[in-house]
C-alpha cells in the first residue's frame, strides 16, 4: 500500500515536472514569437518611411529581418495587414500623448504638453530606445477593410486632438475647430520630418519654440490683418507649356498625393484624366519622368510666389501674402502642390536632389521672418522653426477639405492659415 502511494506521488511529481517544462517552453516560444513580430514591425516602419507603402514588399521586410516571405505571412497574411498594424501602433502612441495632454486644464497648456510629449517620443526613438513611428501620410494608400479600420482609428485621434481645443465658452466643435485640429495634428506630426537636424537633448527646447510660434503666431502688435494681397503670379514653368500639359501634371500630382509615388499607377493617373493608358505613354515616356516634372512644377510655384512676395513693404506682408496665396492655390483648380513626403519613395539617386530642393524652398521662408523681426512687423520667434511650420501648413492644406467639407479658399485662409499667422489661440484668429 505504501509502495503504491509512493509510486503515485512520484508519477504526480513527474507529471508536474512535465507540465512545468511544457509551460517554460511555451513561454519561450511565445516570447520568441513576440520578439520576431516586433522585429518585423520595426523593419516595416523603416521601409514604409523610406520607400512608401506601395513601394515596399513583404519580401523587402523579410530580407530586412532575415526571414522568408512565407515566414512573414505567418504573422501578417498580406502587406496591407502589416501596414495597418504599423499605422494602428503609431496612432496608439500619439493617442497616448494626446491623453496626457488632455489632463491639462487649458488649451494652451494642452498644446504645450502635446508638443513636448511628441518631441520626447521622437528623441527616445532617435536614441534607439523607443518605438519608431510610421508616417501617417500614406493612410489613403491602404485599401479594403484595413483602410476602414485604420481610418476609424485616425478619426478617433482627430476627435481627441480637437477636444484639446474646446473650452467652457466653446464646448462644441464647428468648422473652425475642425480646421484647427487638422492644422495642429499636421504641424505636430511634421516634427518627425525636420527635428532630426537638432541634437536629441534639445528636442524639448525645439518643442518650446514650436509652441511659441504656434500659440503666439507671427504678427506683431500693430500689424494689420489681412496681410497685403499678392497679384496673380505669371508662372515661369508655363512659358513653354500648354494648359493640357498642366492638366496632366495636376492629375498626376493629385494621384501621387493620394497614393504615394509607388501607389500612383499609370492606370490611376489615366483614370483621373479620363484618358487611355496608350494616351498616357503618348505624352509621357515614363511615370518616373512625370513625377520629376510634377516636382519641378511644385518647386517653380513655391519659388515664384516667394519671389513675387519680396516686393511687399514689410516682412509681415511678404510672409503673409505668400502663405495666403499658396493656401488658396492648394484649394484652387490649379492646385495642388506635390506634398514633400511623397519624395521619400523616389529612387535613391533622385531622392537626395529633390529633398535638398524642398528643404531649400522651405527655409526661404526664414528670410521674410527675419526681415519682419528687424522691421518690427513680426514678433521675435525662432525663424527656422517658424519656416518649418509654415511649410508643413502649406503642404497639409491639400487635406483640409477632408475635415472641412466644401472649403473655399477664403475659408481656408480664415480658418486654417490665420490661426498660425495670427496666433493659434488669439481672439483675432
Protein backbone atom coordinates (compact mmCIF):
# COMPACT_ATOMS: atom_id res chain seq x y z
CA UNK A 1 0.00 0.00 0.00
CA UNK A 2 2.80 2.36 0.97
CA UNK A 3 4.61 1.49 -2.26
CA UNK A 4 1.54 2.36 -4.29
CA UNK A 5 1.30 5.75 -2.64
CA UNK A 6 4.99 6.46 -3.28
CA UNK A 7 4.61 5.43 -6.91
CA UNK A 8 1.55 7.65 -7.36
CA UNK A 9 3.33 10.56 -5.73
CA UNK A 10 6.38 10.07 -7.96
CA UNK A 11 4.18 9.96 -11.05
CA UNK A 12 2.38 13.09 -9.89
CA UNK A 13 5.71 14.86 -9.43
CA UNK A 14 6.82 13.68 -12.86
CA UNK A 15 3.58 14.97 -14.39
CA UNK A 16 4.08 18.31 -12.67
CA UNK A 17 7.64 18.45 -13.93
CA UNK A 18 6.49 17.68 -17.46
CA UNK A 19 3.78 20.35 -17.26
CA UNK A 20 6.26 22.88 -15.92
CA UNK A 21 8.69 22.08 -18.73
CA UNK A 22 5.94 22.50 -21.30
CA UNK A 23 4.91 25.81 -19.74
CA UNK A 24 8.50 27.07 -19.87
CA UNK A 25 8.83 26.00 -23.49
CA UNK A 26 5.53 27.64 -24.40
CA UNK A 27 6.61 30.85 -22.66
CA UNK A 28 9.91 30.86 -24.54
CA UNK A 29 8.16 30.15 -27.84
CA UNK A 30 5.66 32.92 -27.21
CA UNK A 31 8.44 35.36 -26.28
CA UNK A 32 10.41 34.50 -29.41
CA UNK A 33 7.27 34.93 -31.48
CA UNK A 34 6.57 38.34 -29.95
CA UNK A 35 10.20 39.40 -30.47
CA UNK A 36 10.05 38.31 -34.11
CA UNK A 37 6.76 40.12 -34.62
CA UNK A 38 8.26 43.28 -33.09
CA UNK A 39 11.30 43.00 -35.37
CA UNK A 40 9.01 42.68 -38.40
CA UNK A 41 7.03 45.77 -37.38
CA UNK A 42 10.20 47.80 -36.75
CA UNK A 43 11.67 46.87 -40.14
CA UNK A 44 8.35 47.59 -41.87
CA UNK A 45 8.10 51.07 -40.34
CA UNK A 46 11.61 51.91 -41.54
CA UNK A 47 10.89 50.63 -45.06
CA UNK A 48 7.47 52.29 -45.30
CA UNK A 49 9.05 55.61 -44.28
CA UNK A 50 11.86 55.18 -46.81
CA UNK A 51 10.04 53.67 -49.79
CA UNK A 52 6.37 54.39 -49.17
CA UNK A 53 3.61 51.88 -48.55
CA UNK A 54 3.22 50.77 -52.17
CA UNK A 55 6.98 50.80 -52.78
CA UNK A 56 7.64 48.21 -50.05
CA UNK A 57 7.08 44.47 -50.47
CA UNK A 58 6.80 41.68 -47.92
CA UNK A 59 9.99 40.31 -49.46
CA UNK A 60 11.76 43.60 -48.59
CA UNK A 61 10.63 43.25 -44.99
CA UNK A 62 11.68 39.61 -44.89
CA UNK A 63 15.16 40.43 -46.15
CA UNK A 64 15.49 43.15 -43.51
CA UNK A 65 14.85 40.68 -40.67
CA UNK A 66 16.35 37.54 -42.22
CA UNK A 67 13.05 35.73 -42.81
CA UNK A 68 11.37 34.28 -45.86
CA UNK A 69 8.21 35.84 -47.23
CA UNK A 70 6.26 32.79 -46.06
CA UNK A 71 7.55 33.37 -42.52
CA UNK A 72 6.38 36.98 -42.66
CA UNK A 73 2.97 35.77 -43.84
CA UNK A 74 2.71 33.62 -40.70
CA UNK A 75 2.45 36.90 -38.76
CA UNK A 76 0.85 39.14 -41.39
CA UNK A 77 -1.05 37.48 -44.22
CA UNK A 78 -0.85 40.49 -46.58
CA UNK A 79 1.20 43.65 -46.82
CA UNK A 80 -1.85 45.75 -46.01
CA UNK A 81 -2.26 43.77 -42.78
CA UNK A 82 1.31 44.64 -41.85
CA UNK A 83 0.86 48.28 -42.87
CA UNK A 84 -2.36 48.54 -40.88
CA UNK A 85 -0.60 47.16 -37.78
CA UNK A 86 2.12 49.82 -38.18
CA UNK A 87 -0.43 52.61 -38.58
CA UNK A 88 -2.51 51.41 -35.63
CA UNK A 89 0.56 51.29 -33.38
CA UNK A 90 1.64 54.79 -34.41
CA UNK A 91 -1.86 56.18 -33.89
CA UNK A 92 -2.00 54.48 -30.47
CA UNK A 93 1.30 56.09 -29.43
CA UNK A 94 0.07 59.53 -30.48
CA UNK A 95 -3.28 59.00 -28.77
CA UNK A 96 -1.47 58.20 -25.53
CA UNK A 97 0.41 61.50 -25.81
CA UNK A 98 -2.87 63.30 -26.53
CA UNK A 99 -4.46 61.66 -23.46
CA UNK A 100 -1.64 63.01 -21.30
CA UNK A 101 -2.12 66.48 -22.78
CA UNK A 102 -5.87 66.30 -22.12
CA UNK A 103 -5.20 66.25 -18.37
CA UNK A 104 -4.22 69.92 -18.53
CA UNK A 105 -6.89 72.49 -17.73
CA UNK A 106 -6.46 74.94 -20.61
CA UNK A 107 -5.94 74.69 -24.39
CA UNK A 108 -2.55 76.42 -24.25
CA UNK A 109 -1.09 74.04 -21.68
CA UNK A 110 -2.63 71.09 -23.52
CA UNK A 111 -0.93 72.13 -26.76
CA UNK A 112 2.40 72.62 -24.99
CA UNK A 113 2.16 69.21 -23.37
CA UNK A 114 1.21 67.59 -26.67
CA UNK A 115 4.20 69.11 -28.48
CA UNK A 116 6.69 68.34 -25.71
CA UNK A 117 5.37 64.78 -25.37
CA UNK A 118 5.75 64.17 -29.09
CA UNK A 119 9.26 65.67 -29.05
CA UNK A 120 10.23 63.33 -26.18
CA UNK A 121 8.87 60.38 -28.15
CA UNK A 122 10.97 61.38 -31.17
CA UNK A 123 14.08 61.85 -29.02
CA UNK A 124 13.60 58.44 -27.39
CA UNK A 125 13.11 56.93 -30.84
CA UNK A 126 16.22 58.65 -32.27
CA UNK A 127 18.33 57.34 -29.37
CA UNK A 128 17.24 53.79 -30.15
CA UNK A 129 15.05 53.29 -27.11
CA UNK A 130 11.58 53.98 -28.45
CA UNK A 131 9.08 52.55 -30.86
CA UNK A 132 9.55 54.06 -34.30
CA UNK A 133 6.55 55.83 -35.82
CA UNK A 134 5.38 55.39 -39.38
CA UNK A 135 4.41 58.48 -41.36
CA UNK A 136 0.64 58.87 -41.46
CA UNK A 137 0.75 60.47 -44.92
CA UNK A 138 0.18 57.15 -46.72
CA UNK A 139 -3.04 56.30 -44.89
CA UNK A 140 -5.10 56.70 -48.05
CA UNK A 141 -2.89 54.21 -49.89
CA UNK A 142 -4.46 51.43 -47.79
CA UNK A 143 -7.34 49.57 -49.39
CA UNK A 144 -10.23 47.34 -48.30
CA UNK A 145 -11.23 46.56 -44.74
CA UNK A 146 -7.84 47.53 -43.38
CA UNK A 147 -8.39 51.04 -44.70
CA UNK A 148 -11.67 51.24 -42.80
CA UNK A 149 -10.07 50.05 -39.54
CA UNK A 150 -7.15 52.48 -39.74
CA UNK A 151 -9.36 55.39 -40.84
CA UNK A 152 -11.64 54.78 -37.86
CA UNK A 153 -8.62 54.87 -35.52
CA UNK A 154 -7.36 58.08 -37.11
CA UNK A 155 -10.82 59.66 -36.83
CA UNK A 156 -10.76 58.88 -33.10
CA UNK A 157 -7.35 60.56 -32.87
CA UNK A 158 -8.68 63.60 -34.74
CA UNK A 159 -11.63 63.97 -32.36
CA UNK A 160 -9.36 63.68 -29.33
CA UNK A 161 -6.99 66.36 -30.66
CA UNK A 162 -9.94 68.59 -31.47
CA UNK A 163 -11.21 68.16 -27.90
CA UNK A 164 -7.93 69.70 -26.64
CA UNK A 165 -9.08 72.99 -28.16
CA UNK A 166 -12.55 73.09 -26.62
CA UNK A 167 -13.35 75.28 -23.61
CA UNK A 168 -16.34 76.06 -21.42
CA UNK A 169 -17.02 79.08 -23.65
CA UNK A 170 -16.71 76.96 -26.83
CA UNK A 171 -17.74 73.42 -25.84
CA UNK A 172 -18.89 72.21 -29.26
CA UNK A 173 -16.75 71.73 -32.39
CA UNK A 174 -17.52 73.50 -35.64
CA UNK A 175 -15.81 74.10 -38.99
CA UNK A 176 -13.20 76.38 -37.41
CA UNK A 177 -12.32 73.78 -34.78
CA UNK A 178 -12.06 71.09 -37.46
CA UNK A 179 -9.64 73.25 -39.44
CA UNK A 180 -7.53 73.99 -36.38
CA UNK A 181 -7.46 70.35 -35.29
CA UNK A 182 -6.18 69.34 -38.73
CA UNK A 183 -3.59 72.10 -38.56
CA UNK A 184 -2.44 71.04 -35.08
CA UNK A 185 -2.11 67.34 -35.97
CA UNK A 186 -0.28 68.18 -39.21
CA UNK A 187 2.20 70.53 -37.56
CA UNK A 188 2.93 68.26 -34.61
CA UNK A 189 3.41 65.22 -36.84
CA UNK A 190 5.65 67.23 -39.19
CA UNK A 191 8.22 67.43 -36.39
CA UNK A 192 9.32 63.90 -37.20
CA UNK A 193 10.48 65.14 -40.63
CA UNK A 194 12.63 68.11 -39.61
CA UNK A 195 13.53 67.84 -35.92
CA UNK A 196 16.38 65.44 -36.71
CA UNK A 197 18.56 68.41 -37.65
CA UNK A 198 18.82 69.21 -33.92
CA UNK A 199 20.54 67.32 -31.08
CA UNK A 200 18.16 64.94 -29.32
CA UNK A 201 18.77 66.58 -25.94
CA UNK A 202 17.46 69.82 -27.49
CA UNK A 203 14.22 68.34 -28.83
CA UNK A 204 12.12 69.64 -25.96
CA UNK A 205 13.66 73.12 -26.36
CA UNK A 206 12.72 72.95 -30.02
CA UNK A 207 9.18 71.99 -28.95
CA UNK A 208 9.09 75.14 -26.80
CA UNK A 209 9.95 77.27 -29.85
CA UNK A 210 7.37 75.29 -31.84
CA UNK A 211 4.69 76.23 -29.30
CA UNK A 212 5.87 79.83 -29.12
CA UNK A 213 5.36 80.20 -32.89
CA UNK A 214 2.09 78.27 -32.97
CA UNK A 215 0.42 79.87 -29.96
CA UNK A 216 1.72 83.40 -30.44
CA UNK A 217 1.72 83.50 -34.23
CA UNK A 218 3.95 85.72 -36.33
CA UNK A 219 2.11 89.03 -36.48
CA UNK A 220 3.48 91.76 -34.21
CA UNK A 221 1.20 94.13 -32.27
CA UNK A 222 0.13 96.92 -34.58
CA UNK A 223 0.46 94.95 -37.81
CA UNK A 224 -2.85 94.54 -39.60
CA UNK A 225 -4.83 91.56 -40.84
CA UNK A 226 -5.16 90.57 -43.59
CA UNK A 227 -1.66 90.90 -45.00
CA UNK A 228 -1.19 92.61 -48.32
CA UNK A 229 -2.59 90.65 -51.26
CA UNK A 230 -0.30 89.24 -53.92
CA UNK A 231 -1.05 89.98 -57.56
CA UNK A 232 -1.59 86.97 -59.86
CA UNK A 233 1.73 85.28 -60.50
CA UNK A 234 2.97 84.59 -64.03
CA UNK A 235 4.35 81.09 -63.62
CA UNK A 236 7.81 80.55 -65.06
CA UNK A 237 7.01 76.89 -65.81
CA UNK A 238 4.17 77.86 -68.14
CA UNK A 239 6.22 79.89 -70.56
CA UNK A 240 6.58 76.96 -72.97
CA UNK A 241 3.77 74.75 -71.69
CA UNK A 242 0.21 74.13 -72.79
CA UNK A 243 -2.79 74.06 -70.49
CA UNK A 244 -3.37 70.38 -71.37
CA UNK A 245 0.13 69.54 -70.16
CA UNK A 246 -0.53 71.33 -66.89
CA UNK A 247 -3.75 69.31 -66.52
CA UNK A 248 -1.66 66.15 -66.85
CA UNK A 249 0.69 67.34 -64.13
CA UNK A 250 -2.14 68.34 -61.80
CA UNK A 251 -3.81 64.95 -62.16
CA UNK A 252 -0.54 63.14 -61.54
CA UNK A 253 0.20 65.32 -58.51
CA UNK A 254 -3.24 64.64 -57.01
CA UNK A 255 -2.83 60.90 -57.54
CA UNK A 256 0.67 60.83 -56.02
CA UNK A 257 -0.55 62.83 -53.02
CA UNK A 258 -3.37 60.31 -52.50
CA UNK A 259 -1.50 57.05 -53.05
CA UNK A 260 2.21 57.83 -52.84
CA UNK A 261 4.63 57.53 -55.75
CA UNK A 262 4.56 53.72 -55.95
CA UNK A 263 0.80 53.56 -55.49
CA UNK A 264 0.12 56.20 -58.16
CA UNK A 265 -0.06 53.77 -61.05
CA UNK A 266 -0.33 54.77 -64.68
CA UNK A 267 -3.85 53.30 -64.62
CA UNK A 268 -4.90 55.53 -61.70
CA UNK A 269 -3.45 58.67 -63.30
CA UNK A 270 -5.07 57.84 -66.66
CA UNK A 271 -8.41 57.17 -64.98
CA UNK A 272 -8.32 60.53 -63.20
CA UNK A 273 -7.63 62.24 -66.54
CA UNK A 274 -10.14 60.02 -68.36
CA UNK A 275 -7.58 59.03 -70.99
CA UNK A 276 -6.33 55.63 -72.11
CA UNK A 277 -3.10 54.09 -70.93
CA UNK A 278 -1.83 54.43 -74.51
CA UNK A 279 -2.55 58.16 -74.41
CA UNK A 280 -0.57 58.40 -71.18
CA UNK A 281 2.54 56.94 -72.81
CA UNK A 282 1.99 59.09 -75.88
CA UNK A 283 2.59 62.17 -73.72
CA UNK A 284 4.97 60.66 -71.14
CA UNK A 285 7.99 58.42 -71.54
CA UNK A 286 7.64 57.03 -68.01
CA UNK A 287 5.90 57.54 -64.69
CA UNK A 288 9.25 58.48 -63.14
CA UNK A 289 9.73 61.27 -65.66
CA UNK A 290 6.23 62.58 -65.00
CA UNK A 291 6.86 62.52 -61.26
CA UNK A 292 10.03 64.58 -61.69
CA UNK A 293 8.09 67.07 -63.80
CA UNK A 294 5.42 67.31 -61.08
CA UNK A 295 8.14 68.07 -58.54
CA UNK A 296 9.69 70.71 -60.77
CA UNK A 297 6.27 72.33 -61.21
CA UNK A 298 5.75 72.46 -57.43
CA UNK A 299 9.22 73.90 -56.87
CA UNK A 300 8.57 76.57 -59.51
CA UNK A 301 5.24 77.59 -57.94
CA UNK A 302 6.75 77.93 -54.47
CA UNK A 303 9.78 79.82 -55.75
CA UNK A 304 7.75 82.17 -58.00
CA UNK A 305 5.36 83.08 -55.16
CA UNK A 306 8.24 83.66 -52.74
CA UNK A 307 10.00 85.87 -55.29
CA UNK A 308 6.83 87.85 -56.03
CA UNK A 309 6.22 88.44 -52.33
CA UNK A 310 9.64 90.01 -51.83
CA UNK A 311 8.31 93.28 -53.26
CA UNK A 312 5.97 93.73 -50.26
CA UNK A 313 6.62 96.65 -47.92
CA UNK A 314 7.31 94.68 -44.72
CA UNK A 315 8.44 91.24 -43.65
CA UNK A 316 4.94 90.52 -42.34
CA UNK A 317 3.31 91.39 -45.65
CA UNK A 318 5.93 89.34 -47.51
CA UNK A 319 5.32 86.27 -45.34
CA UNK A 320 1.55 86.64 -45.02
CA UNK A 321 0.90 87.35 -48.68
CA UNK A 322 2.96 84.35 -49.82
CA UNK A 323 1.25 81.97 -47.36
CA UNK A 324 -2.25 83.22 -48.17
CA UNK A 325 -1.60 82.89 -51.89
CA UNK A 326 -0.22 79.36 -51.59
CA UNK A 327 -3.00 78.08 -49.31
CA UNK A 328 -5.59 79.47 -51.71
CA UNK A 329 -3.68 77.92 -54.63
CA UNK A 330 -3.77 74.49 -52.96
CA UNK A 331 -7.58 74.52 -53.00
CA UNK A 332 -7.96 76.12 -56.41
CA UNK A 333 -8.48 74.36 -59.73
CA UNK A 334 -4.76 74.94 -60.40
CA UNK A 335 -3.65 73.01 -57.32
CA UNK A 336 -2.37 71.04 -55.59
CA UNK A 337 1.32 71.15 -54.82
CA UNK A 338 3.17 67.84 -54.63
CA UNK A 339 3.45 67.02 -50.94
CA UNK A 340 7.03 66.88 -49.71
CA UNK A 341 6.61 63.49 -48.02
CA UNK A 342 5.96 61.86 -51.40
CA UNK A 343 9.62 62.36 -52.25
CA UNK A 344 10.68 59.57 -49.89
CA UNK A 345 9.52 56.96 -52.42
CA UNK A 346 11.76 58.24 -55.21
CA UNK A 347 14.75 56.18 -56.36
CA UNK A 348 17.78 56.96 -54.19
CA UNK A 349 19.67 58.80 -56.95
CA UNK A 350 16.78 61.28 -57.43
CA UNK A 351 15.60 61.46 -53.82
CA UNK A 352 18.57 63.36 -52.35
CA UNK A 353 18.39 66.10 -55.01
CA UNK A 354 14.63 66.53 -54.65
CA UNK A 355 14.67 66.58 -50.85
CA UNK A 356 17.52 69.10 -50.89
CA UNK A 357 15.49 71.35 -53.22
CA UNK A 358 12.42 71.01 -50.95
CA UNK A 359 14.43 71.91 -47.84
CA UNK A 360 15.91 74.97 -49.51
CA UNK A 361 12.48 76.23 -50.55
CA UNK A 362 11.15 75.63 -47.04
CA UNK A 363 13.98 77.58 -45.47
CA UNK A 364 13.44 80.50 -47.85
CA UNK A 365 10.59 81.43 -45.51
CA UNK A 366 13.28 82.30 -42.98
CA UNK A 367 14.08 85.49 -44.90
CA UNK A 368 10.71 87.28 -44.55
CA UNK A 369 10.56 86.18 -40.90
CA UNK A 370 13.98 87.69 -40.16
CA UNK A 371 13.08 90.77 -42.21
CA UNK A 372 9.84 91.20 -40.27
CA UNK A 373 11.57 90.81 -36.91
CA UNK A 374 14.02 93.51 -37.96
CA UNK A 375 11.36 95.96 -39.19
CA UNK A 376 9.03 95.24 -36.24
CA UNK A 377 6.15 93.75 -38.24
CA UNK A 378 6.80 90.19 -36.98
CA UNK A 379 7.32 89.41 -33.33
CA UNK A 380 10.62 87.72 -32.32
CA UNK A 381 10.35 83.98 -32.99
CA UNK A 382 12.74 81.17 -33.90
CA UNK A 383 12.93 81.81 -37.68
CA UNK A 384 13.98 78.30 -38.73
CA UNK A 385 11.33 76.55 -36.63
CA UNK A 386 8.83 79.10 -37.95
CA UNK A 387 9.76 78.27 -41.53
CA UNK A 388 9.16 74.56 -40.90
CA UNK A 389 5.70 75.26 -39.51
CA UNK A 390 4.84 77.45 -42.48
CA UNK A 391 5.90 74.79 -45.00
CA UNK A 392 4.09 71.99 -43.15
CA UNK A 393 0.91 74.06 -43.02
CA UNK A 394 1.04 74.83 -46.76
CA UNK A 395 1.56 71.20 -47.77
CA UNK A 396 -1.15 69.91 -45.40
CA UNK A 397 -3.70 72.36 -46.85
CA UNK A 398 -4.48 69.83 -49.59
CA UNK A 399 -6.17 67.58 -46.97
CA UNK A 400 -8.20 70.35 -45.35
CA UNK A 401 -11.36 69.54 -47.38
CA UNK A 402 -11.39 66.07 -45.77
CA UNK A 403 -12.16 67.75 -42.43
CA UNK A 404 -13.94 70.92 -43.55
CA UNK A 405 -16.27 69.97 -46.37
CA UNK A 406 -16.59 72.23 -49.40
CA UNK A 407 -13.90 74.56 -48.13
CA UNK A 408 -13.47 77.76 -50.12
CA UNK A 409 -10.12 79.47 -50.49
CA UNK A 410 -11.39 82.32 -48.31
CA UNK A 411 -12.40 79.92 -45.54
CA UNK A 412 -9.07 78.12 -45.77
CA UNK A 413 -7.20 81.37 -45.18
CA UNK A 414 -9.52 82.44 -42.35
CA UNK A 415 -9.95 79.11 -40.54
CA UNK A 416 -6.61 77.46 -41.31
CA UNK A 417 -3.84 79.89 -42.27
CA UNK A 418 -4.84 82.72 -39.96
CA UNK A 419 -4.53 80.70 -36.72
CA UNK A 420 -0.86 80.05 -37.49
CA UNK A 421 -0.15 83.58 -38.68
CA UNK A 422 -2.10 85.50 -36.03
CA UNK A 423 -1.74 83.03 -33.13
CA UNK A 424 -3.48 79.71 -32.67
CA UNK A 425 -5.37 80.84 -29.56
CA UNK A 426 -5.54 84.54 -30.33
CA UNK A 427 -9.03 86.10 -30.21
CA UNK A 428 -8.17 87.70 -33.54
CA UNK A 429 -7.83 84.24 -35.10
